[in-house]
N, C-alpha and C. Protein backbone atom coordinates (compact mmCIF):
# COMPACT_ATOMS: atom_id res chain seq x y z
N MET A 1 -47.02 35.06 -67.04
CA MET A 1 -47.39 33.84 -66.36
C MET A 1 -46.22 33.35 -65.50
N ALA A 2 -46.47 33.14 -64.25
CA ALA A 2 -45.42 32.71 -63.32
C ALA A 2 -45.08 31.24 -63.54
N SER A 3 -43.80 30.92 -63.43
CA SER A 3 -43.38 29.53 -63.57
C SER A 3 -43.67 28.77 -62.29
N LYS A 4 -43.95 27.50 -62.46
CA LYS A 4 -44.22 26.63 -61.32
C LYS A 4 -42.91 26.39 -60.58
N GLU A 5 -42.97 26.44 -59.25
CA GLU A 5 -41.75 26.21 -58.49
C GLU A 5 -41.32 24.75 -58.64
N VAL A 6 -40.02 24.56 -58.59
CA VAL A 6 -39.42 23.23 -58.73
C VAL A 6 -38.87 22.86 -57.36
N ILE A 7 -39.43 21.80 -56.77
CA ILE A 7 -39.00 21.39 -55.43
C ILE A 7 -37.79 20.47 -55.56
N LEU A 8 -36.70 20.85 -54.88
CA LEU A 8 -35.44 20.11 -54.95
C LEU A 8 -34.85 19.93 -53.56
N SER A 9 -34.11 18.83 -53.39
CA SER A 9 -33.33 18.69 -52.16
C SER A 9 -32.09 19.55 -52.31
N LYS A 10 -31.48 19.89 -51.17
CA LYS A 10 -30.25 20.70 -51.23
C LYS A 10 -29.16 19.97 -52.03
N GLU A 11 -29.09 18.63 -51.84
CA GLU A 11 -28.07 17.83 -52.54
C GLU A 11 -28.28 17.89 -54.05
N TYR A 12 -29.54 17.75 -54.49
CA TYR A 12 -29.82 17.75 -55.93
C TYR A 12 -29.57 19.13 -56.52
N LEU A 13 -29.92 20.18 -55.78
CA LEU A 13 -29.66 21.54 -56.25
C LEU A 13 -28.16 21.74 -56.46
N GLU A 14 -27.35 21.28 -55.50
CA GLU A 14 -25.90 21.39 -55.62
C GLU A 14 -25.40 20.59 -56.82
N LYS A 15 -25.97 19.41 -57.03
CA LYS A 15 -25.57 18.54 -58.15
C LYS A 15 -25.83 19.23 -59.49
N ILE A 16 -27.04 19.81 -59.66
CA ILE A 16 -27.32 20.45 -60.95
C ILE A 16 -26.56 21.76 -61.13
N GLN A 17 -26.24 22.44 -60.02
CA GLN A 17 -25.42 23.65 -60.12
C GLN A 17 -24.02 23.28 -60.62
N SER A 18 -23.48 22.14 -60.13
CA SER A 18 -22.17 21.67 -60.59
C SER A 18 -22.23 21.27 -62.06
N GLU A 19 -23.32 20.59 -62.43
CA GLU A 19 -23.49 20.17 -63.82
C GLU A 19 -23.56 21.40 -64.73
N LEU A 20 -24.29 22.42 -64.31
CA LEU A 20 -24.41 23.65 -65.10
C LEU A 20 -23.04 24.29 -65.30
N GLU A 21 -22.26 24.36 -64.24
CA GLU A 21 -20.91 24.93 -64.31
C GLU A 21 -20.06 24.15 -65.31
N TYR A 22 -20.12 22.82 -65.24
CA TYR A 22 -19.36 21.95 -66.16
C TYR A 22 -19.80 22.18 -67.61
N LEU A 23 -21.11 22.22 -67.83
CA LEU A 23 -21.61 22.40 -69.20
C LEU A 23 -21.17 23.73 -69.79
N LYS A 24 -21.21 24.78 -68.96
CA LYS A 24 -20.86 26.11 -69.45
C LYS A 24 -19.36 26.30 -69.63
N THR A 25 -18.56 25.76 -68.70
CA THR A 25 -17.11 26.04 -68.74
C THR A 25 -16.31 25.01 -69.53
N GLU A 26 -16.82 23.77 -69.64
CA GLU A 26 -16.05 22.73 -70.34
C GLU A 26 -16.72 22.24 -71.62
N ARG A 27 -17.99 21.84 -71.54
CA ARG A 27 -18.66 21.27 -72.71
C ARG A 27 -18.86 22.29 -73.83
N ARG A 28 -19.31 23.50 -73.48
CA ARG A 28 -19.52 24.52 -74.51
C ARG A 28 -18.26 24.78 -75.32
N PRO A 29 -17.11 25.05 -74.65
CA PRO A 29 -15.89 25.30 -75.41
C PRO A 29 -15.44 24.08 -76.24
N GLU A 30 -15.61 22.86 -75.69
CA GLU A 30 -15.25 21.65 -76.44
C GLU A 30 -16.05 21.56 -77.73
N ILE A 31 -17.34 21.79 -77.62
CA ILE A 31 -18.21 21.68 -78.80
C ILE A 31 -17.92 22.80 -79.80
N ALA A 32 -17.66 23.99 -79.29
CA ALA A 32 -17.32 25.12 -80.18
C ALA A 32 -16.06 24.78 -80.97
N GLU A 33 -15.10 24.13 -80.32
CA GLU A 33 -13.87 23.72 -81.00
C GLU A 33 -14.15 22.66 -82.06
N LYS A 34 -15.03 21.70 -81.73
CA LYS A 34 -15.41 20.66 -82.70
C LYS A 34 -16.05 21.28 -83.94
N ILE A 35 -16.92 22.28 -83.72
CA ILE A 35 -17.59 22.96 -84.83
C ILE A 35 -16.56 23.68 -85.69
N LYS A 36 -15.63 24.36 -85.03
CA LYS A 36 -14.59 25.10 -85.74
C LYS A 36 -13.75 24.16 -86.61
N ILE A 37 -13.37 23.01 -86.05
CA ILE A 37 -12.57 22.02 -86.79
C ILE A 37 -13.39 21.45 -87.96
N ALA A 38 -14.65 21.12 -87.69
CA ALA A 38 -15.51 20.54 -88.72
C ALA A 38 -15.73 21.51 -89.88
N ARG A 39 -15.81 22.81 -89.57
CA ARG A 39 -15.97 23.82 -90.63
C ARG A 39 -14.77 23.79 -91.58
N GLY A 40 -13.63 23.45 -91.04
CA GLY A 40 -12.40 23.40 -91.83
C GLY A 40 -12.40 22.27 -92.84
N PHE A 41 -13.33 21.32 -92.69
CA PHE A 41 -13.39 20.19 -93.62
C PHE A 41 -14.09 20.55 -94.92
N GLY A 42 -14.56 21.79 -95.03
CA GLY A 42 -15.15 22.22 -96.29
C GLY A 42 -16.66 22.21 -96.29
N ASP A 43 -17.24 21.75 -97.40
CA ASP A 43 -18.67 21.78 -97.68
C ASP A 43 -19.52 21.34 -96.49
N LEU A 44 -20.25 22.28 -95.90
CA LEU A 44 -21.05 21.98 -94.71
C LEU A 44 -22.30 21.16 -95.03
N SER A 45 -22.73 21.15 -96.29
CA SER A 45 -23.95 20.40 -96.64
C SER A 45 -23.75 18.89 -96.57
N GLU A 46 -22.50 18.43 -96.69
CA GLU A 46 -22.22 16.99 -96.61
C GLU A 46 -21.16 16.71 -95.56
N ASN A 47 -21.24 17.43 -94.45
CA ASN A 47 -20.21 17.34 -93.43
C ASN A 47 -20.81 16.71 -92.16
N ALA A 48 -20.63 15.40 -92.00
CA ALA A 48 -21.21 14.66 -90.87
C ALA A 48 -20.66 15.15 -89.53
N GLU A 49 -19.37 15.48 -89.48
CA GLU A 49 -18.76 15.95 -88.24
C GLU A 49 -19.40 17.26 -87.78
N TYR A 50 -19.66 18.14 -88.77
CA TYR A 50 -20.28 19.42 -88.46
C TYR A 50 -21.70 19.20 -87.94
N ASP A 51 -22.48 18.37 -88.65
CA ASP A 51 -23.85 18.08 -88.23
C ASP A 51 -23.88 17.49 -86.82
N GLU A 52 -22.99 16.56 -86.56
CA GLU A 52 -22.93 15.91 -85.25
C GLU A 52 -22.59 16.93 -84.15
N ALA A 53 -21.64 17.78 -84.41
CA ALA A 53 -21.23 18.80 -83.44
C ALA A 53 -22.37 19.79 -83.19
N LYS A 54 -23.10 20.18 -84.24
CA LYS A 54 -24.22 21.11 -84.08
C LYS A 54 -25.35 20.46 -83.27
N ASN A 55 -25.60 19.14 -83.49
CA ASN A 55 -26.62 18.43 -82.72
C ASN A 55 -26.21 18.36 -81.24
N GLU A 56 -24.94 18.07 -81.02
CA GLU A 56 -24.41 18.00 -79.66
C GLU A 56 -24.56 19.37 -78.97
N GLN A 57 -24.27 20.42 -79.73
CA GLN A 57 -24.40 21.78 -79.20
C GLN A 57 -25.85 22.06 -78.81
N ALA A 58 -26.79 21.66 -79.65
CA ALA A 58 -28.21 21.90 -79.36
C ALA A 58 -28.64 21.15 -78.09
N GLU A 59 -28.16 19.91 -77.92
CA GLU A 59 -28.49 19.12 -76.73
C GLU A 59 -27.94 19.78 -75.46
N VAL A 60 -26.70 20.24 -75.52
CA VAL A 60 -26.08 20.88 -74.36
C VAL A 60 -26.79 22.19 -74.03
N GLU A 61 -27.12 22.97 -75.04
CA GLU A 61 -27.82 24.24 -74.79
C GLU A 61 -29.21 24.00 -74.21
N ALA A 62 -29.88 22.94 -74.67
CA ALA A 62 -31.21 22.61 -74.11
C ALA A 62 -31.08 22.20 -72.65
N ARG A 63 -30.05 21.42 -72.34
CA ARG A 63 -29.84 20.99 -70.94
C ARG A 63 -29.50 22.20 -70.06
N ILE A 64 -28.68 23.10 -70.57
CA ILE A 64 -28.32 24.32 -69.82
C ILE A 64 -29.59 25.12 -69.53
N ALA A 65 -30.44 25.29 -70.53
CA ALA A 65 -31.68 26.05 -70.35
C ALA A 65 -32.58 25.38 -69.31
N LYS A 66 -32.67 24.05 -69.37
CA LYS A 66 -33.51 23.32 -68.42
C LYS A 66 -32.99 23.50 -66.99
N ILE A 67 -31.67 23.34 -66.81
CA ILE A 67 -31.08 23.48 -65.47
C ILE A 67 -31.25 24.91 -64.96
N GLU A 68 -31.01 25.90 -65.83
CA GLU A 68 -31.17 27.29 -65.40
C GLU A 68 -32.61 27.56 -64.97
N HIS A 69 -33.57 27.01 -65.69
CA HIS A 69 -34.99 27.16 -65.32
C HIS A 69 -35.24 26.52 -63.95
N MET A 70 -34.72 25.31 -63.75
CA MET A 70 -34.92 24.62 -62.48
C MET A 70 -34.32 25.42 -61.33
N ILE A 71 -33.11 25.93 -61.51
CA ILE A 71 -32.44 26.69 -60.45
C ILE A 71 -33.20 27.99 -60.17
N ARG A 72 -33.63 28.66 -61.23
CA ARG A 72 -34.35 29.93 -61.08
C ARG A 72 -35.66 29.73 -60.30
N ASN A 73 -36.30 28.59 -60.49
CA ASN A 73 -37.60 28.33 -59.85
C ASN A 73 -37.50 27.36 -58.68
N ALA A 74 -36.27 27.11 -58.23
CA ALA A 74 -36.05 26.11 -57.18
C ALA A 74 -36.59 26.56 -55.83
N LYS A 75 -37.18 25.61 -55.16
CA LYS A 75 -37.56 25.78 -53.76
C LYS A 75 -36.98 24.54 -53.08
N THR A 76 -36.05 24.76 -52.16
CA THR A 76 -35.45 23.60 -51.52
C THR A 76 -36.40 23.02 -50.49
N ILE A 77 -36.30 21.73 -50.34
CA ILE A 77 -37.16 20.99 -49.43
C ILE A 77 -36.96 21.49 -48.00
N ASP A 78 -38.06 21.78 -47.35
CA ASP A 78 -38.02 22.20 -45.95
C ASP A 78 -37.97 20.92 -45.11
N GLU A 79 -36.83 20.68 -44.54
CA GLU A 79 -36.66 19.45 -43.77
C GLU A 79 -37.07 19.64 -42.30
N ASN A 80 -37.83 20.68 -42.04
CA ASN A 80 -38.29 20.94 -40.68
C ASN A 80 -39.69 20.41 -40.43
N THR A 81 -40.19 19.52 -41.32
CA THR A 81 -41.50 18.93 -41.06
C THR A 81 -41.35 18.04 -39.83
N PRO A 82 -42.46 17.80 -39.10
CA PRO A 82 -42.36 16.97 -37.90
C PRO A 82 -41.68 15.62 -38.19
N LYS A 83 -40.81 15.20 -37.27
CA LYS A 83 -40.02 13.98 -37.47
C LYS A 83 -40.89 12.73 -37.59
N ASP A 84 -42.09 12.77 -37.01
CA ASP A 84 -42.94 11.57 -37.02
C ASP A 84 -43.95 11.57 -38.17
N GLU A 85 -43.76 12.47 -39.14
CA GLU A 85 -44.71 12.63 -40.23
C GLU A 85 -44.02 12.51 -41.58
N VAL A 86 -44.65 11.82 -42.53
CA VAL A 86 -44.09 11.70 -43.88
C VAL A 86 -44.16 13.07 -44.55
N GLY A 87 -43.02 13.52 -45.09
CA GLY A 87 -42.96 14.80 -45.79
C GLY A 87 -41.85 14.77 -46.82
N LEU A 88 -41.72 15.85 -47.55
CA LEU A 88 -40.67 15.97 -48.55
C LEU A 88 -39.30 15.77 -47.91
N GLY A 89 -38.47 15.01 -48.58
CA GLY A 89 -37.12 14.76 -48.08
C GLY A 89 -37.03 13.59 -47.12
N LYS A 90 -38.16 13.07 -46.70
CA LYS A 90 -38.15 11.95 -45.75
C LYS A 90 -38.11 10.62 -46.50
N THR A 91 -37.49 9.64 -45.86
CA THR A 91 -37.49 8.27 -46.37
C THR A 91 -38.49 7.50 -45.54
N VAL A 92 -39.34 6.75 -46.23
CA VAL A 92 -40.41 6.05 -45.53
C VAL A 92 -40.40 4.56 -45.91
N LEU A 93 -40.53 3.72 -44.90
CA LEU A 93 -40.63 2.27 -45.11
C LEU A 93 -42.10 1.94 -44.97
N ILE A 94 -42.66 1.33 -46.04
CA ILE A 94 -44.08 1.01 -46.05
C ILE A 94 -44.28 -0.47 -46.36
N TYR A 95 -45.44 -0.97 -45.96
CA TYR A 95 -45.81 -2.36 -46.26
C TYR A 95 -46.91 -2.31 -47.30
N ASP A 96 -46.66 -2.92 -48.47
CA ASP A 96 -47.63 -2.99 -49.55
C ASP A 96 -48.54 -4.18 -49.27
N GLU A 97 -49.82 -3.90 -48.95
CA GLU A 97 -50.75 -4.95 -48.55
C GLU A 97 -51.07 -5.93 -49.68
N GLU A 98 -51.12 -5.44 -50.92
CA GLU A 98 -51.44 -6.32 -52.05
C GLU A 98 -50.31 -7.30 -52.35
N PHE A 99 -49.10 -6.78 -52.44
CA PHE A 99 -47.95 -7.62 -52.79
C PHE A 99 -47.24 -8.20 -51.58
N LYS A 100 -47.72 -7.85 -50.39
CA LYS A 100 -47.18 -8.36 -49.13
C LYS A 100 -45.66 -8.22 -49.07
N GLU A 101 -45.21 -6.98 -49.31
CA GLU A 101 -43.77 -6.71 -49.27
C GLU A 101 -43.52 -5.31 -48.71
N ASN A 102 -42.33 -5.14 -48.14
CA ASN A 102 -41.92 -3.84 -47.65
C ASN A 102 -41.26 -3.07 -48.79
N LEU A 103 -41.54 -1.78 -48.86
CA LEU A 103 -40.95 -0.90 -49.86
C LEU A 103 -40.39 0.32 -49.15
N GLU A 104 -39.27 0.83 -49.65
CA GLU A 104 -38.69 2.02 -49.06
C GLU A 104 -38.60 3.10 -50.13
N TYR A 105 -39.15 4.27 -49.83
CA TYR A 105 -39.13 5.39 -50.77
C TYR A 105 -38.67 6.66 -50.08
N LYS A 106 -37.98 7.48 -50.84
CA LYS A 106 -37.68 8.84 -50.40
C LYS A 106 -38.65 9.74 -51.15
N ILE A 107 -39.32 10.63 -50.43
CA ILE A 107 -40.28 11.53 -51.05
C ILE A 107 -39.53 12.78 -51.53
N VAL A 108 -39.59 13.03 -52.83
CA VAL A 108 -38.85 14.14 -53.45
C VAL A 108 -39.77 14.93 -54.38
N GLY A 109 -39.27 16.05 -54.89
CA GLY A 109 -40.00 16.82 -55.90
C GLY A 109 -39.95 16.08 -57.24
N THR A 110 -40.79 16.46 -58.17
CA THR A 110 -40.88 15.75 -59.45
C THR A 110 -39.57 15.75 -60.24
N ALA A 111 -38.78 16.81 -60.12
CA ALA A 111 -37.52 16.89 -60.89
C ALA A 111 -36.54 15.80 -60.48
N GLU A 112 -36.61 15.35 -59.24
CA GLU A 112 -35.69 14.34 -58.72
C GLU A 112 -36.25 12.92 -58.76
N ALA A 113 -37.53 12.79 -59.04
CA ALA A 113 -38.19 11.49 -58.94
C ALA A 113 -37.54 10.45 -59.85
N SER A 114 -37.35 9.27 -59.30
CA SER A 114 -36.81 8.12 -60.03
C SER A 114 -37.27 6.88 -59.29
N PRO A 115 -38.50 6.43 -59.56
CA PRO A 115 -39.06 5.31 -58.80
C PRO A 115 -38.17 4.07 -58.76
N LEU A 116 -37.46 3.79 -59.85
CA LEU A 116 -36.58 2.62 -59.87
C LEU A 116 -35.43 2.76 -58.88
N ASP A 117 -35.11 4.01 -58.53
CA ASP A 117 -34.04 4.28 -57.56
C ASP A 117 -34.61 4.56 -56.17
N GLY A 118 -35.92 4.34 -55.99
CA GLY A 118 -36.53 4.52 -54.68
C GLY A 118 -36.87 5.95 -54.33
N ARG A 119 -36.93 6.84 -55.34
CA ARG A 119 -37.29 8.23 -55.09
C ARG A 119 -38.61 8.52 -55.82
N ILE A 120 -39.67 8.77 -55.03
CA ILE A 120 -40.97 9.05 -55.66
C ILE A 120 -41.38 10.50 -55.42
N SER A 121 -42.10 11.03 -56.39
CA SER A 121 -42.54 12.41 -56.35
C SER A 121 -43.65 12.63 -55.33
N ASN A 122 -43.64 13.79 -54.71
CA ASN A 122 -44.71 14.19 -53.80
C ASN A 122 -46.02 14.37 -54.56
N GLU A 123 -45.95 14.43 -55.90
CA GLU A 123 -47.15 14.61 -56.72
C GLU A 123 -47.66 13.28 -57.29
N SER A 124 -46.91 12.20 -57.11
CA SER A 124 -47.34 10.89 -57.60
C SER A 124 -48.48 10.40 -56.70
N PRO A 125 -49.29 9.46 -57.20
CA PRO A 125 -50.41 8.97 -56.37
C PRO A 125 -49.95 8.43 -55.02
N VAL A 126 -48.88 7.62 -55.00
CA VAL A 126 -48.40 7.05 -53.74
C VAL A 126 -47.77 8.14 -52.88
N GLY A 127 -46.95 8.99 -53.49
CA GLY A 127 -46.31 10.08 -52.74
C GLY A 127 -47.34 10.99 -52.08
N LYS A 128 -48.38 11.36 -52.84
CA LYS A 128 -49.44 12.21 -52.31
C LYS A 128 -50.15 11.54 -51.12
N ALA A 129 -50.43 10.25 -51.28
CA ALA A 129 -51.14 9.51 -50.22
C ALA A 129 -50.31 9.42 -48.94
N LEU A 130 -48.98 9.32 -49.09
CA LEU A 130 -48.10 9.17 -47.93
C LEU A 130 -47.88 10.47 -47.15
N LEU A 131 -47.95 11.62 -47.84
CA LEU A 131 -47.68 12.90 -47.19
C LEU A 131 -48.56 13.11 -45.97
N GLY A 132 -47.93 13.45 -44.87
CA GLY A 132 -48.66 13.74 -43.63
C GLY A 132 -48.98 12.51 -42.79
N ALA A 133 -48.73 11.31 -43.32
CA ALA A 133 -49.03 10.09 -42.57
C ALA A 133 -47.98 9.87 -41.48
N LYS A 134 -48.35 9.09 -40.49
CA LYS A 134 -47.46 8.77 -39.37
C LYS A 134 -47.28 7.26 -39.27
N VAL A 135 -46.27 6.83 -38.52
CA VAL A 135 -46.01 5.41 -38.32
C VAL A 135 -47.28 4.75 -37.78
N GLY A 136 -47.65 3.63 -38.39
CA GLY A 136 -48.84 2.90 -37.97
C GLY A 136 -50.06 3.23 -38.82
N ASP A 137 -50.03 4.37 -39.53
CA ASP A 137 -51.17 4.74 -40.37
C ASP A 137 -51.28 3.80 -41.57
N ARG A 138 -52.52 3.60 -42.02
CA ARG A 138 -52.79 2.84 -43.24
C ARG A 138 -53.28 3.88 -44.25
N VAL A 139 -52.63 3.95 -45.41
CA VAL A 139 -53.03 4.93 -46.42
C VAL A 139 -53.52 4.22 -47.67
N GLU A 140 -54.36 4.93 -48.40
CA GLU A 140 -54.91 4.43 -49.66
C GLU A 140 -54.43 5.35 -50.77
N ALA A 141 -53.89 4.75 -51.83
CA ALA A 141 -53.44 5.54 -52.98
C ALA A 141 -54.23 5.09 -54.21
N GLU A 142 -54.70 6.06 -54.97
CA GLU A 142 -55.43 5.77 -56.20
C GLU A 142 -54.39 5.74 -57.33
N THR A 143 -53.95 4.52 -57.70
CA THR A 143 -52.92 4.36 -58.72
C THR A 143 -53.57 4.02 -60.06
N PRO A 144 -52.82 4.10 -61.15
CA PRO A 144 -53.39 3.72 -62.46
C PRO A 144 -53.91 2.27 -62.47
N GLN A 145 -53.37 1.42 -61.61
CA GLN A 145 -53.81 0.02 -61.53
C GLN A 145 -54.99 -0.16 -60.55
N GLY A 146 -55.45 0.91 -59.96
CA GLY A 146 -56.54 0.83 -58.99
C GLY A 146 -56.07 1.24 -57.61
N LYS A 147 -56.90 0.98 -56.60
CA LYS A 147 -56.55 1.36 -55.23
C LYS A 147 -55.43 0.47 -54.69
N ALA A 148 -54.50 1.10 -53.98
CA ALA A 148 -53.41 0.36 -53.32
C ALA A 148 -53.40 0.80 -51.86
N TYR A 149 -53.08 -0.14 -50.99
CA TYR A 149 -53.08 0.15 -49.55
C TYR A 149 -51.68 -0.11 -48.98
N TYR A 150 -51.25 0.83 -48.15
CA TYR A 150 -49.93 0.74 -47.55
C TYR A 150 -50.02 1.05 -46.06
N LYS A 151 -49.16 0.40 -45.30
CA LYS A 151 -49.06 0.69 -43.86
C LYS A 151 -47.68 1.33 -43.65
N ILE A 152 -47.66 2.43 -42.91
CA ILE A 152 -46.40 3.13 -42.62
C ILE A 152 -45.67 2.39 -41.50
N LEU A 153 -44.47 1.91 -41.79
CA LEU A 153 -43.69 1.16 -40.80
C LEU A 153 -42.63 2.02 -40.11
N GLU A 154 -42.03 2.93 -40.90
CA GLU A 154 -40.90 3.71 -40.38
C GLU A 154 -40.74 4.98 -41.18
N ILE A 155 -40.32 6.06 -40.52
CA ILE A 155 -40.05 7.34 -41.19
C ILE A 155 -38.67 7.81 -40.75
N ASN A 156 -37.82 8.13 -41.72
CA ASN A 156 -36.47 8.63 -41.41
C ASN A 156 -36.25 9.97 -42.09
């Protein structure tokens, strides 16, 4: 079964590649040393330092596996979409008709999405609705709270 591609910006791909390098070259050896020291404390069945170090090791290894999977299946955002059209990697200023306010979002892949930081996924209801729209267009998004309407004000 083929893995689903992970859409990433070039910046985010570089960020996780750096994180992977750090985890492998610095964190792994640090944790291995902690485990070695904790083993020296004797009985492992009642050794909190050992348990803590092993848990930390499991977390780091899980993160390494996740990043390696993301990198292996990464597809970087094609920033060659038309300049006047909402697409991956673009920042869009929209007017929320219900709340009568302007919102600014960058359209990213799901791995990078962080709505509180203004980055929404191309697979989210609002992200999907915005894709392909142009300045002046009115789009409808089917959100968990019902239909929402937005007007495209600006695309960068």
